[in-house]
Amino acid sequence: MIDAPSRRGVLGAGLAGALLCACGADTPDEVLVLGDQANLTRAKVEAAGLLKGRPYAFRWANFAGAAPLFEAVMAGAVDTAPAGDTPVLAAAAAGVPIRLVAASQSSGRGVALLVAPNSPIKSVHDIKGRSVIVSSARGSVAHYLLLGALKEAGLKLSDVTIGFMLPGDAQAAFDAKRIEVWATFGLYQALAEYRGARVLRDGVGINKGLNFITASQRALASPGKRRAIADALGQFAAANIWANAHKDQYAAVFAKVTGAPLAVAQLVVERENPVLRPVTPAVTGKLQTVADTFFQAGLLPKTVNAAALADATLFAV
C-alpha cells in the first residue's frame, strides 16, 4: 500500500506545479501554465532532461483527471491540457475554449473495467444488475469503454447502475471493497492491478486510443504564449521519443514524480505508445466517430465538429 503522503502525490487533484523557470517573464500572465494529469507529461519531460533553459517561464499544474483539468482551462488558470478523446469532446461540448494542437494514439490497454481479485464477476455479461463506478466523469475514456463493453456483451445501459467518482476517491473506495466494478485508466488502473485487481475488459478494440494536447484559445491569442506552446510541443515530442528509447529510466523518474511503486510505473510506461504527431484530418476523422457515438448515446449535449477544434499550425513533423 502507498502511504498517505505518497497517495496524495499520486492522486492529488488541483494545482500542484512549482515555478520551474523564471526566464523571460515579468508578470504572472506571461508564465506558461502546463496542465498535466497524474504528472505523466512532467515525468516524461524531466526524465528526458528537456524544457530547461527555454526562452519563456513555465510551471506545471497537476490534476487527478481531465474533468478538473478542463475546469481550470475554463477558468483561465491553465494554458495547455493533455487528455483523451472523450474528455476533450465533453469539454468542447460544454463550451471550454480549447484547440487540439497535437495528438498521439495508444493501443487501448491503458483503460479497463476492473473487479476485485475474488469477485464472482467473471465476464462483462456478469455485471448485469450491478453497479459500475466510472472515473473521472461522464464522457471519460473509461465511460466510452463501458458503453462499448456493454454493447459487445449484448447488454444495455439500463442493465447497470452507473456512478461517477474522481480516480483518487474511487481508488480508495475500490480498495475498501465498496465498488463492484470500476471503469478507470492509466496510473489508477495500474495501481489497482498491482494490488491484485482483475481486468474484465480493456479498451483494445473498443477505445480509439486517441490522446491530445489541447491549448486554451486565450493562450493561443497571446503571441508570446503561442510561441511558447509551439516550442513546448517540440519538447514534448522529443521527450516522447526519448521515453520510448529509455523506458527503464523514464519509469524510474515517473515513480519518483508520482510516488507510485516502480513496478506500477513500469506497467504504465510499457502500455504507452507516446508518439506525438500533428492533428491531421485522419486524426479528426477518428475523433468524429467517437463524438458521434457519444452524441447518439446522449452523453454529449450537442454535436461536436472535431475538425473545427484542430489547430495544426503549432506542431508539425
Protein backbone atom coordinates (compact mmCIF):
# COMPACT_ATOMS: atom_id res chain seq x y z
CA MET A 1 0.00 0.00 0.00
CA ILE A 2 1.08 3.57 -0.63
CA ASP A 3 1.27 5.71 2.47
CA ALA A 4 -0.83 8.83 2.81
CA PRO A 5 1.77 11.35 1.60
CA SER A 6 2.60 9.20 -1.41
CA ARG A 7 -1.08 8.63 -2.16
CA ARG A 8 -1.58 12.37 -2.30
CA GLY A 9 1.41 12.60 -4.62
CA VAL A 10 -0.15 10.07 -6.97
CA LEU A 11 -3.78 11.04 -6.75
CA GLY A 12 -3.96 14.65 -5.63
CA ALA A 13 -6.17 17.00 -7.61
CA GLY A 14 -5.70 20.70 -8.14
CA LEU A 15 -2.79 22.94 -8.97
CA ALA A 16 0.48 21.36 -7.92
CA GLY A 17 3.14 22.96 -10.09
CA ALA A 18 6.04 24.99 -8.76
CA LEU A 19 7.69 27.64 -10.90
CA LEU A 20 10.41 25.76 -12.75
CA CYS A 21 11.80 28.53 -14.94
CA ALA A 22 11.65 32.28 -14.45
CA CYS A 23 13.38 33.46 -17.58
CA GLY A 24 11.70 35.97 -19.85
CA ALA A 25 8.63 36.73 -17.73
CA ASP A 26 7.83 39.85 -15.76
CA THR A 27 4.20 39.16 -14.84
CA PRO A 28 2.23 36.01 -13.93
CA ASP A 29 0.18 36.37 -17.12
CA GLU A 30 3.34 35.68 -19.14
CA VAL A 31 4.05 32.38 -17.38
CA LEU A 32 3.02 29.36 -19.45
CA VAL A 33 0.98 27.02 -17.25
CA LEU A 34 1.32 23.43 -18.42
CA GLY A 35 -1.60 21.31 -17.25
CA ASP A 36 -0.97 17.66 -16.52
CA GLN A 37 -2.76 14.51 -15.34
CA ALA A 38 -1.07 12.32 -12.72
CA ASN A 39 2.23 14.06 -13.58
CA LEU A 40 2.50 11.90 -16.70
CA THR A 41 3.80 14.60 -19.04
CA ARG A 42 6.03 16.20 -16.43
CA ALA A 43 7.70 12.90 -15.58
CA LYS A 44 8.48 12.28 -19.22
CA VAL A 45 9.88 15.75 -19.82
CA GLU A 46 12.01 15.71 -16.66
CA ALA A 47 13.28 12.20 -17.35
CA ALA A 48 14.46 13.37 -20.78
CA GLY A 49 16.05 16.48 -19.28
CA LEU A 50 14.02 18.78 -21.53
CA LEU A 51 12.30 22.17 -21.15
CA LYS A 52 15.39 23.51 -19.41
CA GLY A 53 16.59 26.97 -20.35
CA ARG A 54 13.73 27.75 -22.71
CA PRO A 55 13.14 31.44 -23.50
CA TYR A 56 9.89 31.59 -21.52
CA ALA A 57 8.73 30.97 -17.97
CA PHE A 58 6.55 27.97 -17.22
CA ARG A 59 5.15 25.95 -14.37
CA TRP A 60 3.31 22.65 -14.08
CA ALA A 61 -0.23 22.26 -12.76
CA ASN A 62 -1.19 18.68 -11.91
CA PHE A 63 -4.74 17.28 -11.74
CA ALA A 64 -6.26 13.90 -10.86
CA GLY A 65 -8.34 13.73 -14.03
CA ALA A 66 -9.49 15.54 -17.16
CA ALA A 67 -12.67 16.99 -15.64
CA PRO A 68 -10.93 19.23 -13.06
CA LEU A 69 -8.17 19.98 -15.57
CA PHE A 70 -10.65 21.39 -18.07
CA GLU A 71 -12.40 23.31 -15.30
CA ALA A 72 -9.05 25.04 -14.78
CA VAL A 73 -8.79 25.73 -18.52
CA MET A 74 -12.26 27.25 -18.44
CA ALA A 75 -11.23 29.45 -15.52
CA GLY A 76 -8.15 30.65 -17.40
CA ALA A 77 -5.80 29.06 -14.85
CA VAL A 78 -4.16 26.58 -17.25
CA ASP A 79 -2.85 27.10 -20.80
CA THR A 80 -2.37 23.53 -22.05
CA ALA A 81 -4.17 20.32 -21.15
CA PRO A 82 -3.41 16.72 -22.18
CA ALA A 83 -6.47 14.47 -22.31
CA GLY A 84 -8.07 11.54 -24.07
CA ASP A 85 -10.55 11.81 -26.90
CA THR A 86 -13.78 11.60 -24.92
CA PRO A 87 -12.98 14.18 -22.21
CA VAL A 88 -11.78 16.52 -24.95
CA LEU A 89 -15.13 16.15 -26.67
CA ALA A 90 -17.04 16.59 -23.41
CA ALA A 91 -15.08 19.77 -22.69
CA ALA A 92 -15.69 21.14 -26.18
CA ALA A 93 -19.41 20.38 -25.98
CA ALA A 94 -19.54 22.16 -22.63
CA GLY A 95 -18.02 25.28 -24.14
CA VAL A 96 -14.46 25.01 -22.82
CA PRO A 97 -12.43 27.20 -25.24
CA ILE A 98 -9.78 24.73 -26.47
CA ARG A 99 -7.99 23.77 -29.64
CA LEU A 100 -6.31 20.46 -30.45
CA VAL A 101 -2.64 21.18 -31.11
CA ALA A 102 -1.03 17.71 -31.06
CA ALA A 103 -2.16 14.09 -30.91
CA SER A 104 -1.00 10.57 -30.13
CA GLN A 105 -2.59 7.14 -30.26
CA SER A 106 -2.28 4.18 -27.89
CA SER A 107 -3.43 0.58 -28.05
CA GLY A 108 -6.29 0.87 -25.56
CA ARG A 109 -4.62 -1.25 -22.87
CA GLY A 110 -4.43 1.75 -20.57
CA VAL A 111 -8.16 1.78 -19.82
CA ALA A 112 -10.08 -1.09 -18.25
CA LEU A 113 -13.06 -2.43 -16.35
CA LEU A 114 -11.71 -3.80 -13.06
CA VAL A 115 -13.06 -6.06 -10.33
CA ALA A 116 -11.60 -7.33 -7.08
CA PRO A 117 -9.45 -10.47 -7.41
CA ASN A 118 -12.02 -12.63 -5.59
CA SER A 119 -15.06 -11.09 -7.28
CA PRO A 120 -17.70 -13.52 -8.56
CA ILE A 121 -17.91 -11.39 -11.71
CA LYS A 122 -16.06 -13.30 -14.42
CA SER A 123 -17.14 -11.50 -17.60
CA VAL A 124 -18.74 -8.26 -18.71
CA HIS A 125 -22.05 -10.09 -19.10
CA ASP A 126 -21.94 -10.83 -15.36
CA ILE A 127 -22.19 -7.13 -14.46
CA LYS A 128 -25.86 -7.07 -15.42
CA GLY A 129 -27.84 -5.78 -12.45
CA ARG A 130 -24.71 -4.48 -10.70
CA SER A 131 -23.22 -1.05 -10.09
CA VAL A 132 -20.28 0.39 -12.01
CA ILE A 133 -18.21 3.38 -10.95
CA VAL A 134 -16.69 5.34 -13.80
CA SER A 135 -13.70 7.66 -13.42
CA SER A 136 -13.46 10.50 -13.67
CA ALA A 137 -16.75 11.86 -15.05
CA ARG A 138 -19.37 11.48 -17.74
CA GLY A 139 -17.62 11.42 -21.07
CA SER A 140 -14.32 9.95 -19.90
CA VAL A 141 -12.36 7.32 -21.83
CA ALA A 142 -13.47 4.84 -19.15
CA HIS A 143 -17.11 5.76 -19.81
CA TYR A 144 -16.60 5.11 -23.52
CA LEU A 145 -15.11 1.70 -22.72
CA LEU A 146 -18.11 0.82 -20.56
CA LEU A 147 -20.52 1.71 -23.37
CA GLY A 148 -18.60 -0.41 -25.85
CA ALA A 149 -18.15 -3.34 -23.48
CA LEU A 150 -21.86 -3.42 -22.64
CA LYS A 151 -22.79 -3.39 -26.32
CA GLU A 152 -20.26 -6.13 -27.03
CA ALA A 153 -21.79 -8.27 -24.28
CA GLY A 154 -25.33 -7.71 -25.53
CA LEU A 155 -26.26 -5.50 -22.56
CA LYS A 156 -27.95 -2.10 -22.37
CA LEU A 157 -27.03 0.92 -20.28
CA SER A 158 -30.17 0.30 -18.26
CA ASP A 159 -28.80 -3.12 -17.26
CA VAL A 160 -26.28 -1.50 -14.89
CA THR A 161 -26.28 1.31 -12.36
CA ILE A 162 -23.60 3.86 -13.21
CA GLY A 163 -21.94 6.29 -10.82
CA PHE A 164 -19.03 8.69 -11.26
CA MET A 165 -16.07 9.41 -8.99
CA LEU A 166 -12.71 11.11 -9.34
CA PRO A 167 -9.99 8.47 -9.67
CA GLY A 168 -8.38 9.07 -6.26
CA ASP A 169 -11.70 8.78 -4.43
CA ALA A 170 -12.69 5.76 -6.50
CA GLN A 171 -9.38 4.06 -5.79
CA ALA A 172 -9.88 4.41 -2.04
CA ALA A 173 -13.42 3.04 -2.35
CA PHE A 174 -12.26 0.18 -4.58
CA ASP A 175 -9.50 -0.74 -2.11
CA ALA A 176 -12.16 -0.76 0.64
CA LYS A 177 -14.30 -3.13 -1.48
CA ARG A 178 -17.10 -0.58 -1.81
CA ILE A 179 -17.06 -0.74 -5.64
CA GLU A 180 -18.21 -3.81 -7.57
CA VAL A 181 -16.86 -2.76 -10.97
CA TRP A 182 -14.55 0.16 -11.64
CA ALA A 183 -14.00 1.69 -15.08
CA THR A 184 -10.69 3.53 -14.92
CA PHE A 185 -7.45 4.25 -16.73
CA GLY A 186 -3.73 4.90 -16.69
CA LEU A 187 -1.88 5.14 -13.41
CA TYR A 188 -5.01 4.42 -11.37
CA GLN A 189 -5.66 1.24 -13.35
CA ALA A 190 -2.04 0.13 -12.98
CA LEU A 191 -2.08 0.78 -9.22
CA ALA A 192 -5.24 -1.28 -8.82
CA GLU A 193 -3.80 -4.15 -10.87
CA TYR A 194 -0.61 -4.01 -8.80
CA ARG A 195 -2.78 -4.55 -5.72
CA GLY A 196 -4.49 -7.55 -7.33
CA ALA A 197 -7.43 -6.14 -9.29
CA ARG A 198 -8.59 -8.28 -12.18
CA VAL A 199 -9.24 -6.89 -15.67
CA LEU A 200 -12.67 -7.78 -17.07
CA ARG A 201 -12.13 -5.93 -20.34
CA ASP A 202 -9.57 -3.44 -21.52
CA GLY A 203 -10.01 -0.88 -24.25
CA VAL A 204 -8.33 -2.78 -27.10
CA GLY A 205 -10.81 -2.92 -29.97
CA ILE A 206 -13.25 -0.52 -28.28
CA ASN A 207 -11.45 2.71 -27.46
CA LYS A 208 -9.82 4.63 -30.30
CA GLY A 209 -6.84 5.32 -28.05
CA LEU A 210 -6.62 8.94 -29.19
CA ASN A 211 -4.94 11.38 -26.85
CA PHE A 212 -4.48 15.08 -27.40
CA ILE A 213 -2.60 18.05 -26.13
CA THR A 214 -5.06 20.91 -26.12
CA ALA A 215 -4.37 24.60 -25.71
CA SER A 216 -6.73 27.27 -24.47
CA GLN A 217 -7.88 29.77 -27.05
CA ARG A 218 -6.98 32.51 -24.58
CA ALA A 219 -3.36 31.38 -24.51
CA LEU A 220 -3.24 30.95 -28.28
CA ALA A 221 -4.44 34.54 -28.71
CA SER A 222 -1.29 35.76 -26.95
CA PRO A 223 1.63 35.87 -29.43
CA GLY A 224 4.14 35.18 -26.67
CA LYS A 225 2.25 32.21 -25.26
CA ARG A 226 1.53 30.88 -28.73
CA ARG A 227 5.25 30.79 -29.48
CA ALA A 228 5.92 29.19 -26.11
CA ILE A 229 3.27 26.50 -26.68
CA ALA A 230 4.71 25.68 -30.11
CA ASP A 231 8.16 25.32 -28.56
CA ALA A 232 6.83 23.22 -25.67
CA LEU A 233 5.14 20.84 -28.11
CA GLY A 234 8.50 20.23 -29.76
CA GLN A 235 9.98 19.49 -26.35
CA PHE A 236 7.10 17.11 -25.54
CA ALA A 237 7.64 15.28 -28.84
CA ALA A 238 11.35 14.90 -28.11
CA ALA A 239 10.51 13.63 -24.62
CA ASN A 240 8.17 11.01 -26.09
CA ILE A 241 10.88 9.76 -28.43
CA TRP A 242 13.38 9.64 -25.57
CA ALA A 243 10.90 7.78 -23.32
CA ASN A 244 10.34 5.08 -25.94
CA ALA A 245 14.09 4.52 -26.17
CA HIS A 246 14.77 4.69 -22.40
CA LYS A 247 11.80 3.04 -20.73
CA ASP A 248 13.63 1.97 -17.58
CA GLN A 249 14.99 5.46 -16.94
CA TYR A 250 11.63 7.02 -17.67
CA ALA A 251 9.87 4.60 -15.32
CA ALA A 252 12.29 5.46 -12.52
CA VAL A 253 11.60 9.18 -12.87
CA PHE A 254 7.87 8.54 -13.23
CA ALA A 255 7.88 6.61 -9.97
CA LYS A 256 9.75 9.42 -8.22
CA VAL A 257 7.50 12.19 -9.54
CA THR A 258 4.20 10.40 -8.90
CA GLY A 259 5.05 8.46 -5.73
CA ALA A 260 3.98 5.20 -7.40
CA PRO A 261 5.86 1.93 -6.83
CA LEU A 262 8.45 1.28 -9.52
CA ALA A 263 6.57 -1.80 -10.73
CA VAL A 264 3.46 0.33 -11.29
CA ALA A 265 5.44 2.97 -13.14
CA GLN A 266 6.96 0.29 -15.35
CA LEU A 267 3.49 -1.06 -16.18
CA VAL A 268 2.23 2.40 -17.15
CA VAL A 269 5.31 3.07 -19.28
CA GLU A 270 5.11 -0.30 -21.01
CA ARG A 271 1.50 0.35 -22.01
CA GLU A 272 2.18 3.72 -23.56
CA ASN A 273 2.66 4.47 -27.22
CA PRO A 274 3.57 8.11 -26.79
CA VAL A 275 4.49 9.20 -30.29
CA LEU A 276 3.30 12.78 -30.66
CA ARG A 277 2.03 13.72 -34.09
CA PRO A 278 0.18 16.56 -35.82
CA VAL A 279 -3.59 16.81 -35.71
CA THR A 280 -4.36 15.70 -39.27
CA PRO A 281 -7.73 15.22 -40.98
CA ALA A 282 -7.29 11.47 -40.43
CA VAL A 283 -6.99 12.07 -36.68
CA THR A 284 -10.02 14.36 -36.51
CA GLY A 285 -11.95 11.84 -38.61
CA LYS A 286 -11.39 9.18 -35.94
CA LEU A 287 -12.32 11.70 -33.27
CA GLN A 288 -15.53 12.50 -35.12
CA THR A 289 -16.52 8.82 -34.90
CA VAL A 290 -16.15 8.98 -31.12
CA ALA A 291 -18.09 12.25 -31.00
CA ASP A 292 -20.97 10.79 -33.00
CA THR A 293 -21.07 7.69 -30.78
CA PHE A 294 -21.26 9.77 -27.61
CA PHE A 295 -23.88 12.13 -29.04
CA GLN A 296 -26.08 9.23 -30.16
CA ALA A 297 -25.79 7.75 -26.65
CA GLY A 298 -27.00 11.05 -25.18
CA LEU A 299 -23.69 11.75 -23.47
CA LEU A 300 -22.96 14.99 -25.29
CA PRO A 301 -25.42 17.90 -25.12
CA LYS A 302 -24.74 18.78 -28.75
CA THR A 303 -22.81 17.54 -31.74
CA VAL A 304 -19.13 18.40 -31.90
CA ASN A 305 -17.31 19.23 -35.12
CA ALA A 306 -13.94 17.59 -34.49
CA ALA A 307 -12.22 19.19 -37.47
CA ALA A 308 -13.16 22.66 -36.23
CA LEU A 309 -11.31 22.01 -32.96
CA ALA A 310 -7.97 21.45 -34.64
CA ASP A 311 -5.13 23.97 -34.89
CA ALA A 312 -2.45 22.23 -36.93
CA THR A 313 -0.22 25.30 -37.19
CA LEU A 314 1.71 24.87 -33.94
CA PHE A 315 3.10 21.38 -34.33
CA ALA A 316 4.32 19.65 -37.47
CA VAL A 317 6.82 16.89 -38.25
